[in-house]
Amino acid sequence: MKKNMGWKELDFGDSVNAGTAAEFHTGDWRSDRPVFHKENCINCLFCWVNCPDSAIILDENNKVAGIDYRYCKGCGICDTECPTKKEKRALTMEPERK
């Protein structure tokens, strides 16, 4: 498949191979960003399981190490699914500042 094809160039009913989203840094779309607070994380991995963009980074011990902002769209699912207590959140949503 050639790069930068427009939708008119695709065959009717065409599909795209899996994993092509990894080629596109979609993090510029967000207006809010999750901020990871490692000291409050209980490593339940709910954020990692539920992230639709695979933007949660795990370390070599399979513990949450941070967020890959190149792919994070700021949807807030990670924050919503995080079971930590309100006063000690592992993930908080903050406005994106560019």
PDB file of N, CA and C in Angstrom:
ATOM      1  N   MET A   1       0.849  -1.168   0.000  1.00  0.00           N
ATOM      2  CA  MET A   1       0.000   0.000   0.000  1.00  0.00           C
ATOM      3  C   MET A   1       0.897   1.234   0.000  1.00  0.00           C
ATOM      4  N   LYS A   2       0.617   2.177  -0.864  1.00  0.00           N
ATOM      5  CA  LYS A   2       1.443   3.381  -0.908  1.00  0.00           C
ATOM      6  C   LYS A   2       1.058   4.321   0.237  1.00  0.00           C
ATOM      7  N   LYS A   3       1.998   5.108   0.679  1.00  0.00           N
ATOM      8  CA  LYS A   3       1.763   6.035   1.791  1.00  0.00           C
ATOM      9  C   LYS A   3       0.944   7.229   1.325  1.00  0.00           C
ATOM     10  N   ASN A   4       0.250   7.839   2.271  1.00  0.00           N
ATOM     11  CA  ASN A   4      -0.535   9.052   2.053  1.00  0.00           C
ATOM     12  C   ASN A   4      -1.654   8.874   1.027  1.00  0.00           C
ATOM     13  N   MET A   5      -2.282   7.705   1.034  1.00  0.00           N
ATOM     14  CA  MET A   5      -3.422   7.486   0.145  1.00  0.00           C
ATOM     15  C   MET A   5      -4.632   8.217   0.687  1.00  0.00           C
ATOM     16  N   GLY A   6      -5.382   8.826  -0.163  1.00  0.00           N
ATOM     17  CA  GLY A   6      -6.638   9.441   0.229  1.00  0.00           C
ATOM     18  C   GLY A   6      -7.752   8.402   0.223  1.00  0.00           C
ATOM     19  N   TRP A   7      -8.876   8.716   0.814  1.00  0.00           N
ATOM     20  CA  TRP A   7      -9.958   7.743   0.892  1.00  0.00           C
ATOM     21  C   TRP A   7     -10.512   7.393  -0.483  1.00  0.00           C
ATOM     22  N   LYS A   8     -10.397   8.285  -1.440  1.00  0.00           N
ATOM     23  CA  LYS A   8     -10.908   8.014  -2.784  1.00  0.00           C
ATOM     24  C   LYS A   8     -10.053   6.986  -3.527  1.00  0.00           C
ATOM     25  N   GLU A   9      -8.814   6.806  -3.083  1.00  0.00           N
ATOM     26  CA  GLU A   9      -7.917   5.864  -3.739  1.00  0.00           C
ATOM     27  C   GLU A   9      -8.079   4.428  -3.236  1.00  0.00           C
ATOM     28  N   LEU A  10      -8.771   4.241  -2.126  1.00  0.00           N
ATOM     29  CA  LEU A  10      -8.967   2.901  -1.580  1.00  0.00           C
ATOM     30  C   LEU A  10     -10.050   2.168  -2.356  1.00  0.00           C
ATOM     31  N   ASP A  11      -9.876   0.863  -2.516  1.00  0.00           N
ATOM     32  CA  ASP A  11     -10.899   0.049  -3.162  1.00  0.00           C
ATOM     33  C   ASP A  11     -12.126  -0.021  -2.269  1.00  0.00           C
ATOM     34  N   PHE A  12     -13.291  -0.192  -2.874  1.00  0.00           N
ATOM     35  CA  PHE A  12     -14.527  -0.332  -2.117  1.00  0.00           C
ATOM     36  C   PHE A  12     -14.407  -1.554  -1.208  1.00  0.00           C
ATOM     37  N   GLY A  13     -14.706  -1.372   0.065  1.00  0.00           N
ATOM     38  CA  GLY A  13     -14.621  -2.479   1.016  1.00  0.00           C
ATOM     39  C   GLY A  13     -13.198  -2.807   1.430  1.00  0.00           C
ATOM     40  N   ASP A  14     -12.263  -1.933   1.123  1.00  0.00           N
ATOM     41  CA  ASP A  14     -10.867  -2.175   1.450  1.00  0.00           C
ATOM     42  C   ASP A  14     -10.658  -2.120   2.959  1.00  0.00           C
ATOM     43  N   SER A  15      -9.673  -2.823   3.436  1.00  0.00           N
ATOM     44  CA  SER A  15      -9.329  -2.768   4.850  1.00  0.00           C
ATOM     45  C   SER A  15      -7.845  -2.443   4.972  1.00  0.00           C
ATOM     46  N   VAL A  16      -7.464  -1.994   6.130  1.00  0.00           N
ATOM     47  CA  VAL A  16      -6.084  -1.612   6.392  1.00  0.00           C
ATOM     48  C   VAL A  16      -5.487  -2.657   7.323  1.00  0.00           C
ATOM     49  N   ASN A  17      -4.248  -2.994   7.105  1.00  0.00           N
ATOM     50  CA  ASN A  17      -3.584  -3.982   7.953  1.00  0.00           C
ATOM     51  C   ASN A  17      -3.550  -3.509   9.404  1.00  0.00           C
ATOM     52  N   ALA A  18      -3.585  -4.447  10.328  1.00  0.00           N
ATOM     53  CA  ALA A  18      -3.546  -4.133  11.753  1.00  0.00           C
ATOM     54  C   ALA A  18      -2.212  -3.490  12.122  1.00  0.00           C
ATOM     55  N   GLY A  19      -2.242  -2.639  13.126  1.00  0.00           N
ATOM     56  CA  GLY A  19      -1.031  -2.021  13.631  1.00  0.00           C
ATOM     57  C   GLY A  19      -0.599  -0.763  12.918  1.00  0.00           C
ATOM     58  N   THR A  20      -1.384  -0.274  11.978  1.00  0.00           N
ATOM     59  CA  THR A  20      -0.971   0.911  11.239  1.00  0.00           C
ATOM     60  C   THR A  20      -1.059   2.177  12.074  1.00  0.00           C
ATOM     61  N   ALA A  21      -1.846   2.179  13.149  1.00  0.00           N
ATOM     62  CA  ALA A  21      -1.958   3.374  13.987  1.00  0.00           C
ATOM     63  C   ALA A  21      -0.642   3.698  14.685  1.00  0.00           C
ATOM     64  N   ALA A  22       0.226   2.712  14.846  1.00  0.00           N
ATOM     65  CA  ALA A  22       1.518   2.952  15.491  1.00  0.00           C
ATOM     66  C   ALA A  22       2.382   3.909  14.670  1.00  0.00           C
ATOM     67  N   GLU A  23       2.066   4.057  13.387  1.00  0.00           N
ATOM     68  CA  GLU A  23       2.827   4.952  12.525  1.00  0.00           C
ATOM     69  C   GLU A  23       2.439   6.420  12.694  1.00  0.00           C
ATOM     70  N   PHE A  24       1.333   6.689  13.380  1.00  0.00           N
ATOM     71  CA  PHE A  24       0.820   8.050  13.485  1.00  0.00           C
ATOM     72  C   PHE A  24       0.820   8.508  14.938  1.00  0.00           C
ATOM     73  N   HIS A  25       1.490   9.594  15.198  1.00  0.00           N
ATOM     74  CA  HIS A  25       1.485  10.173  16.541  1.00  0.00           C
ATOM     75  C   HIS A  25       0.235  11.042  16.668  1.00  0.00           C
ATOM     76  N   THR A  26      -0.733  10.528  17.404  1.00  0.00           N
ATOM     77  CA  THR A  26      -2.048  11.178  17.497  1.00  0.00           C
ATOM     78  C   THR A  26      -2.202  12.008  18.771  1.00  0.00           C
ATOM     79  N   GLY A  27      -1.143  12.163  19.537  1.00  0.00           N
ATOM     80  CA  GLY A  27      -1.221  12.890  20.798  1.00  0.00           C
ATOM     81  C   GLY A  27      -1.500  14.371  20.661  1.00  0.00           C
ATOM     82  N   ASP A  28      -1.341  14.918  19.472  1.00  0.00           N
ATOM     83  CA  ASP A  28      -1.609  16.347  19.270  1.00  0.00           C
ATOM     84  C   ASP A  28      -3.092  16.672  19.296  1.00  0.00           C
ATOM     85  N   TRP A  29      -3.949  15.675  19.333  1.00  0.00           N
ATOM     86  CA  TRP A  29      -5.391  15.897  19.276  1.00  0.00           C
ATOM     87  C   TRP A  29      -5.987  16.309  20.614  1.00  0.00           C
ATOM     88  N   ARG A  30      -5.298  16.066  21.696  1.00  0.00           N
ATOM     89  CA  ARG A  30      -5.933  16.209  23.012  1.00  0.00           C
ATOM     90  C   ARG A  30      -5.993  17.666  23.489  1.00  0.00           C
ATOM     91  N   SER A  31      -6.989  17.905  24.330  1.00  0.00           N
ATOM     92  CA  SER A  31      -7.103  19.190  25.014  1.00  0.00           C
ATOM     93  C   SER A  31      -6.817  19.021  26.510  1.00  0.00           C
ATOM     94  N   ASP A  32      -6.939  17.782  27.006  1.00  0.00           N
ATOM     95  CA  ASP A  32      -6.581  17.444  28.387  1.00  0.00           C
ATOM     96  C   ASP A  32      -5.585  16.301  28.336  1.00  0.00           C
ATOM     97  N   ARG A  33      -4.718  16.242  29.344  1.00  0.00           N
ATOM     98  CA  ARG A  33      -3.726  15.167  29.394  1.00  0.00           C
ATOM     99  C   ARG A  33      -3.753  14.501  30.759  1.00  0.00           C
ATOM    100  N   PRO A  34      -3.576  13.173  30.785  1.00  0.00           N
ATOM    101  CA  PRO A  34      -3.461  12.502  32.075  1.00  0.00           C
ATOM    102  C   PRO A  34      -2.048  12.704  32.632  1.00  0.00           C
ATOM    103  N   VAL A  35      -1.974  12.923  33.915  1.00  0.00           N
ATOM    104  CA  VAL A  35      -0.679  13.054  34.584  1.00  0.00           C
ATOM    105  C   VAL A  35      -0.557  11.872  35.540  1.00  0.00           C
ATOM    106  N   PHE A  36       0.552  11.147  35.433  1.00  0.00           N
ATOM    107  CA  PHE A  36       0.780   9.946  36.232  1.00  0.00           C
ATOM    108  C   PHE A  36       1.521  10.306  37.511  1.00  0.00           C
ATOM    109  N   HIS A  37       0.987   9.856  38.644  1.00  0.00           N
ATOM    110  CA  HIS A  37       1.587  10.077  39.964  1.00  0.00           C
ATOM    111  C   HIS A  37       2.035   8.713  40.492  1.00  0.00           C
ATOM    112  N   LYS A  38       3.266   8.355  40.192  1.00  0.00           N
ATOM    113  CA  LYS A  38       3.788   7.021  40.497  1.00  0.00           C
ATOM    114  C   LYS A  38       3.653   6.646  41.965  1.00  0.00           C
ATOM    115  N   GLU A  39       3.850   7.606  42.849  1.00  0.00           N
ATOM    116  CA  GLU A  39       3.814   7.317  44.285  1.00  0.00           C
ATOM    117  C   GLU A  39       2.432   6.853  44.758  1.00  0.00           C
ATOM    118  N   ASN A  40       1.384   7.124  43.964  1.00  0.00           N
ATOM    119  CA  ASN A  40       0.023   6.721  44.343  1.00  0.00           C
ATOM    120  C   ASN A  40      -0.464   5.484  43.585  1.00  0.00           C
ATOM    121  N   CYS A  41       0.326   5.002  42.646  1.00  0.00           N
ATOM    122  CA  CYS A  41      -0.101   3.888  41.783  1.00  0.00           C
ATOM    123  C   CYS A  41      -0.044   2.564  42.537  1.00  0.00           C
ATOM    124  N   ILE A  42      -1.111   1.769  42.423  1.00  0.00           N
ATOM    125  CA  ILE A  42      -1.163   0.443  43.046  1.00  0.00           C
ATOM    126  C   ILE A  42      -0.899  -0.667  42.023  1.00  0.00           C
ATOM    127  N   ASN A  43      -0.576  -0.303  40.789  1.00  0.00           N
ATOM    128  CA  ASN A  43      -0.242  -1.237  39.710  1.00  0.00           C
ATOM    129  C   ASN A  43      -1.329  -2.278  39.457  1.00  0.00           C
ATOM    130  N   CYS A  44      -2.554  -1.831  39.439  1.00  0.00           N
ATOM    131  CA  CYS A  44      -3.678  -2.716  39.104  1.00  0.00           C
ATOM    132  C   CYS A  44      -3.757  -2.952  37.592  1.00  0.00           C
ATOM    133  N   LEU A  45      -3.138  -2.053  36.813  1.00  0.00           N
ATOM    134  CA  LEU A  45      -3.083  -2.099  35.345  1.00  0.00           C
ATOM    135  C   LEU A  45      -4.435  -1.842  34.676  1.00  0.00           C
ATOM    136  N   PHE A  46      -5.407  -1.324  35.410  1.00  0.00           N
ATOM    137  CA  PHE A  46      -6.699  -0.984  34.796  1.00  0.00           C
ATOM    138  C   PHE A  46      -6.507   0.058  33.699  1.00  0.00           C
ATOM    139  N   CYS A  47      -5.606   1.011  33.925  1.00  0.00           N
ATOM    140  CA  CYS A  47      -5.351   2.047  32.913  1.00  0.00           C
ATOM    141  C   CYS A  47      -4.769   1.417  31.650  1.00  0.00           C
ATOM    142  N   TRP A  48      -3.836   0.501  31.816  1.00  0.00           N
ATOM    143  CA  TRP A  48      -3.180  -0.148  30.683  1.00  0.00           C
ATOM    144  C   TRP A  48      -4.165  -1.004  29.885  1.00  0.00           C
ATOM    145  N   VAL A  49      -5.008  -1.742  30.584  1.00  0.00           N
ATOM    146  CA  VAL A  49      -5.990  -2.612  29.917  1.00  0.00           C
ATOM    147  C   VAL A  49      -7.005  -1.789  29.135  1.00  0.00           C
ATOM    148  N   ASN A  50      -7.441  -0.659  29.689  1.00  0.00           N
ATOM    149  CA  ASN A  50      -8.528   0.112  29.096  1.00  0.00           C
ATOM    150  C   ASN A  50      -8.103   1.211  28.136  1.00  0.00           C
ATOM    151  N   CYS A  51      -6.830   1.524  28.065  1.00  0.00           N
ATOM    152  CA  CYS A  51      -6.376   2.603  27.176  1.00  0.00           C
ATOM    153  C   CYS A  51      -6.580   2.205  25.714  1.00  0.00           C
ATOM    154  N   PRO A  52      -7.411   2.954  24.973  1.00  0.00           N
ATOM    155  CA  PRO A  52      -7.659   2.596  23.575  1.00  0.00           C
ATOM    156  C   PRO A  52      -6.487   2.920  22.645  1.00  0.00           C
ATOM    157  N   ASP A  53      -5.493   3.641  23.131  1.00  0.00           N
ATOM    158  CA  ASP A  53      -4.368   4.051  22.291  1.00  0.00           C
ATOM    159  C   ASP A  53      -3.060   3.372  22.655  1.00  0.00           C
ATOM    160  N   SER A  54      -3.106   2.435  23.606  1.00  0.00           N
ATOM    161  CA  SER A  54      -1.886   1.752  24.083  1.00  0.00           C
ATOM    162  C   SER A  54      -0.821   2.767  24.493  1.00  0.00           C
ATOM    163  N   ALA A  55      -1.253   3.814  25.182  1.00  0.00           N
ATOM    164  CA  ALA A  55      -0.349   4.891  25.565  1.00  0.00           C
ATOM    165  C   ALA A  55       0.218   4.731  26.978  1.00  0.00           C
ATOM    166  N   ILE A  56      -0.216   3.717  27.711  1.00  0.00           N
ATOM    167  CA  ILE A  56       0.319   3.486  29.052  1.00  0.00           C
ATOM    168  C   ILE A  56       1.600   2.671  28.911  1.00  0.00           C
ATOM    169  N   ILE A  57       2.688   3.176  29.476  1.00  0.00           N
ATOM    170  CA  ILE A  57       3.997   2.535  29.371  1.00  0.00           C
ATOM    171  C   ILE A  57       4.225   1.658  30.602  1.00  0.00           C
ATOM    172  N   LEU A  58       4.647   0.406  30.356  1.00  0.00           N
ATOM    173  CA  LEU A  58       5.015  -0.501  31.438  1.00  0.00           C
ATOM    174  C   LEU A  58       6.527  -0.659  31.458  1.00  0.00           C
ATOM    175  N   ASP A  59       7.091  -0.826  32.660  1.00  0.00           N
ATOM    176  CA  ASP A  59       8.535  -1.042  32.763  1.00  0.00           C
ATOM    177  C   ASP A  59       8.854  -2.531  32.618  1.00  0.00           C
ATOM    178  N   GLU A  60      10.103  -2.892  32.833  1.00  0.00           N
ATOM    179  CA  GLU A  60      10.539  -4.279  32.659  1.00  0.00           C
ATOM    180  C   GLU A  60       9.893  -5.228  33.663  1.00  0.00           C
ATOM    181  N   ASN A  61       9.328  -4.698  34.757  1.00  0.00           N
ATOM    182  CA  ASN A  61       8.641  -5.515  35.760  1.00  0.00           C
ATOM    183  C   ASN A  61       7.122  -5.499  35.577  1.00  0.00           C
ATOM    184  N   ASN A  62       6.675  -5.009  34.425  1.00  0.00           N
ATOM    185  CA  ASN A  62       5.243  -4.888  34.104  1.00  0.00           C
ATOM    186  C   ASN A  62       4.488  -4.018  35.106  1.00  0.00           C
ATOM    187  N   LYS A  63       5.141  -2.945  35.535  1.00  0.00           N
ATOM    188  CA  LYS A  63       4.493  -1.945  36.383  1.00  0.00           C
ATOM    189  C   LYS A  63       4.366  -0.665  35.567  1.00  0.00           C
ATOM    190  N   VAL A  64       3.340   0.111  35.866  1.00  0.00           N
ATOM    191  CA  VAL A  64       3.114   1.344  35.112  1.00  0.00           C
ATOM    192  C   VAL A  64       4.286   2.294  35.333  1.00  0.00           C
ATOM    193  N   ALA A  65       4.851   2.778  34.223  1.00  0.00           N
ATOM    194  CA  ALA A  65       6.014   3.663  34.293  1.00  0.00           C
ATOM    195  C   ALA A  65       5.690   5.073  33.810  1.00  0.00           C
ATOM    196  N   GLY A  66       4.572   5.239  33.114  1.00  0.00           N
ATOM    197  CA  GLY A  66       4.231   6.563  32.614  1.00  0.00           C
ATOM    198  C   GLY A  66       3.265   6.499  31.451  1.00  0.00           C
ATOM    199  N   ILE A  67       3.195   7.595  30.716  1.00  0.00           N
ATOM    200  CA  ILE A  67       2.257   7.737  29.606  1.00  0.00           C
ATOM    201  C   ILE A  67       3.026   8.189  28.373  1.00  0.00           C
ATOM    202  N   ASP A  68       2.749   7.543  27.263  1.00  0.00           N
ATOM    203  CA  ASP A  68       3.376   7.923  25.996  1.00  0.00           C
ATOM    204  C   ASP A  68       2.495   8.994  25.353  1.00  0.00           C
ATOM    205  N   TYR A  69       2.879  10.249  25.538  1.00  0.00           N
ATOM    206  CA  TYR A  69       2.064  11.377  25.060  1.00  0.00           C
ATOM    207  C   TYR A  69       2.071  11.507  23.538  1.00  0.00           C
ATOM    208  N   ARG A  70       2.922  10.768  22.858  1.00  0.00           N
ATOM    209  CA  ARG A  70       2.875  10.789  21.391  1.00  0.00           C
ATOM    210  C   ARG A  70       1.575  10.169  20.875  1.00  0.00           C
ATOM    211  N   TYR A  71       1.009   9.243  21.662  1.00  0.00           N
ATOM    212  CA  TYR A  71      -0.198   8.539  21.230  1.00  0.00           C
ATOM    213  C   TYR A  71      -1.437   8.867  22.057  1.00  0.00           C
ATOM    214  N   CYS A  72      -1.274   9.335  23.282  1.00  0.00           N
ATOM    215  CA  CYS A  72      -2.400   9.630  24.170  1.00  0.00           C
ATOM    216  C   CYS A  72      -3.257  10.755  23.587  1.00  0.00           C
ATOM    217  N   LYS A  73      -4.555  10.473  23.445  1.00  0.00           N
ATOM    218  CA  LYS A  73      -5.481  11.482  22.919  1.00  0.00           C
ATOM    219  C   LYS A  73      -6.204  12.233  24.025  1.00  0.00           C
ATOM    220  N   GLY A  74      -5.943  11.896  25.277  1.00  0.00           N
ATOM    221  CA  GLY A  74      -6.541  12.618  26.390  1.00  0.00           C
ATOM    222  C   GLY A  74      -7.998  12.285  26.633  1.00  0.00           C
ATOM    223  N   CYS A  75      -8.412  11.067  26.324  1.00  0.00           N
ATOM    224  CA  CYS A  75      -9.823  10.684  26.467  1.00  0.00           C
ATOM    225  C   CYS A  75     -10.255  10.583  27.928  1.00  0.00           C
ATOM    226  N   GLY A  76      -9.304  10.297  28.841  1.00  0.00           N
ATOM    227  CA  GLY A  76      -9.616  10.233  30.264  1.00  0.00           C
ATOM    228  C   GLY A  76     -10.084   8.879  30.751  1.00  0.00           C
ATOM    229  N   ILE A  77     -10.104   7.876  29.892  1.00  0.00           N
ATOM    230  CA  ILE A  77     -10.533   6.543  30.323  1.00  0.00           C
ATOM    231  C   ILE A  77      -9.617   6.026  31.425  1.00  0.00           C
ATOM    232  N   CYS A  78      -8.327   6.266  31.310  1.00  0.00           N
ATOM    233  CA  CYS A  78      -7.386   5.807  32.329  1.00  0.00           C
ATOM    234  C   CYS A  78      -7.728   6.405  33.691  1.00  0.00           C
ATOM    235  N   ASP A  79      -8.041   7.681  33.720  1.00  0.00           N
ATOM    236  CA  ASP A  79      -8.411   8.360  34.961  1.00  0.00           C
ATOM    237  C   ASP A  79      -9.720   7.817  35.520  1.00  0.00           C
ATOM    238  N   THR A  80     -10.680   7.576  34.648  1.00  0.00           N
ATOM    239  CA  THR A  80     -11.974   7.057  35.073  1.00  0.00           C
ATOM    240  C   THR A  80     -11.848   5.653  35.657  1.00  0.00           C
ATOM    241  N   GLU A  81     -11.021   4.818  35.057  1.00  0.00           N
ATOM    242  CA  GLU A  81     -10.885   3.427  35.488  1.00  0.00           C
ATOM    243  C   GLU A  81      -9.951   3.240  36.673  1.00  0.00           C
ATOM    244  N   CYS A  82      -9.129   4.219  36.971  1.00  0.00           N
ATOM    245  CA  CYS A  82      -8.169   4.117  38.073  1.00  0.00           C
ATOM    246  C   CYS A  82      -8.914   4.017  39.407  1.00  0.00           C
ATOM    247  N   PRO A  83      -8.670   2.936  40.188  1.00  0.00           N
ATOM    248  CA  PRO A  83      -9.420   2.745  41.435  1.00  0.00           C
ATOM    249  C   PRO A  83      -8.840   3.452  42.654  1.00  0.00           C
ATOM    250  N   THR A  84      -7.769   4.238  42.488  1.00  0.00           N
ATOM    251  CA  THR A  84      -7.175   4.892  43.654  1.00  0.00           C
ATOM    252  C   THR A  84      -8.128   5.934  44.227  1.00  0.00           C
ATOM    253  N   LYS A  85      -7.956   6.220  45.504  1.00  0.00           N
ATOM    254  CA  LYS A  85      -8.844   7.143  46.210  1.00  0.00           C
ATOM    255  C   LYS A  85      -8.699   8.569  45.701  1.00  0.00           C
ATOM    256  N   LYS A  86      -9.768   9.316  45.820  1.00  0.00           N
ATOM    257  CA  LYS A  86      -9.830  10.672  45.283  1.00  0.00           C
ATOM    258  C   LYS A  86      -8.692  11.560  45.789  1.00  0.00           C
ATOM    259  N   GLU A  87      -8.339  11.434  47.037  1.00  0.00           N
ATOM    260  CA  GLU A  87      -7.295  12.295  47.595  1.00  0.00           C
ATOM    261  C   GLU A  87      -5.873  11.821  47.247  1.00  0.00           C
ATOM    262  N   LYS A  88      -5.739  10.601  46.697  1.00  0.00           N
ATOM    263  CA  LYS A  88      -4.426  10.069  46.304  1.00  0.00           C
ATOM    264  C   LYS A  88      -4.527   9.388  44.949  1.00  0.00           C
ATOM    265  N   ARG A  89      -4.885  10.154  43.937  1.00  0.00           N
ATOM    266  CA  ARG A  89      -5.068   9.612  42.589  1.00  0.00           C
ATOM    267  C   ARG A  89      -3.731   9.292  41.936  1.00  0.00           C
ATOM    268  N   ALA A  90      -3.682   8.156  41.246  1.00  0.00           N
ATOM    269  CA  ALA A  90      -2.492   7.798  40.469  1.00  0.00           C
ATOM    270  C   ALA A  90      -2.517   8.510  39.116  1.00  0.00           C
ATOM    271  N   LEU A  91      -3.715   8.837  38.628  1.00  0.00           N
ATOM    272  CA  LEU A  91      -3.870   9.544  37.369  1.00  0.00           C
ATOM    273  C   LEU A  91      -4.833  10.708  37.577  1.00  0.00           C
ATOM    274  N   THR A  92      -4.436  11.853  37.094  1.00  0.00           N
ATOM    275  CA  THR A  92      -5.314  13.024  37.128  1.00  0.00           C
ATOM    276  C   THR A  92      -5.308  13.674  35.746  1.00  0.00           C
ATOM    277  N   MET A  93      -6.438  14.249  35.374  1.00  0.00           N
ATOM    278  CA  MET A  93      -6.535  14.940  34.084  1.00  0.00           C
ATOM    279  C   MET A  93      -6.282  16.410  34.298  1.00  0.00           C
ATOM    280  N   GLU A  94      -5.422  16.980  33.474  1.00  0.00           N
ATOM    281  CA  GLU A  94      -5.107  18.405  33.531  1.00  0.00           C
ATOM    282  C   GLU A  94      -5.169  18.989  32.136  1.00  0.00           C
ATOM    283  N   PRO A  95      -5.440  20.294  32.022  1.00  0.00           N
ATOM    284  CA  PRO A  95      -5.483  20.920  30.690  1.00  0.00           C
ATOM    285  C   PRO A  95      -4.141  20.811  29.986  1.00  0.00           C
ATOM    286  N   GLU A  96      -4.195  20.573  28.707  1.00  0.00           N
ATOM    287  CA  GLU A  96      -2.975  20.515  27.876  1.00  0.00           C
ATOM    288  C   GLU A  96      -2.441  21.924  27.712  1.00  0.00           C
ATOM    289  N   ARG A  97      -1.155  22.094  27.932  1.00  0.00           N
ATOM    290  CA  ARG A  97      -0.534  23.411  27.749  1.00  0.00           C
ATOM    291  C   ARG A  97       0.526  23.275  26.690  1.00  0.00           C
ATOM    292  N   LYS A  98       0.330  23.983  25.574  1.00  0.00           N
ATOM    293  CA  LYS A  98       1.314  23.907  24.482  1.00  0.00           C
ATOM    294  C   LYS A  98       1.924  25.246  24.233  1.00  0.00           C
TER     295      LYS A  98
END
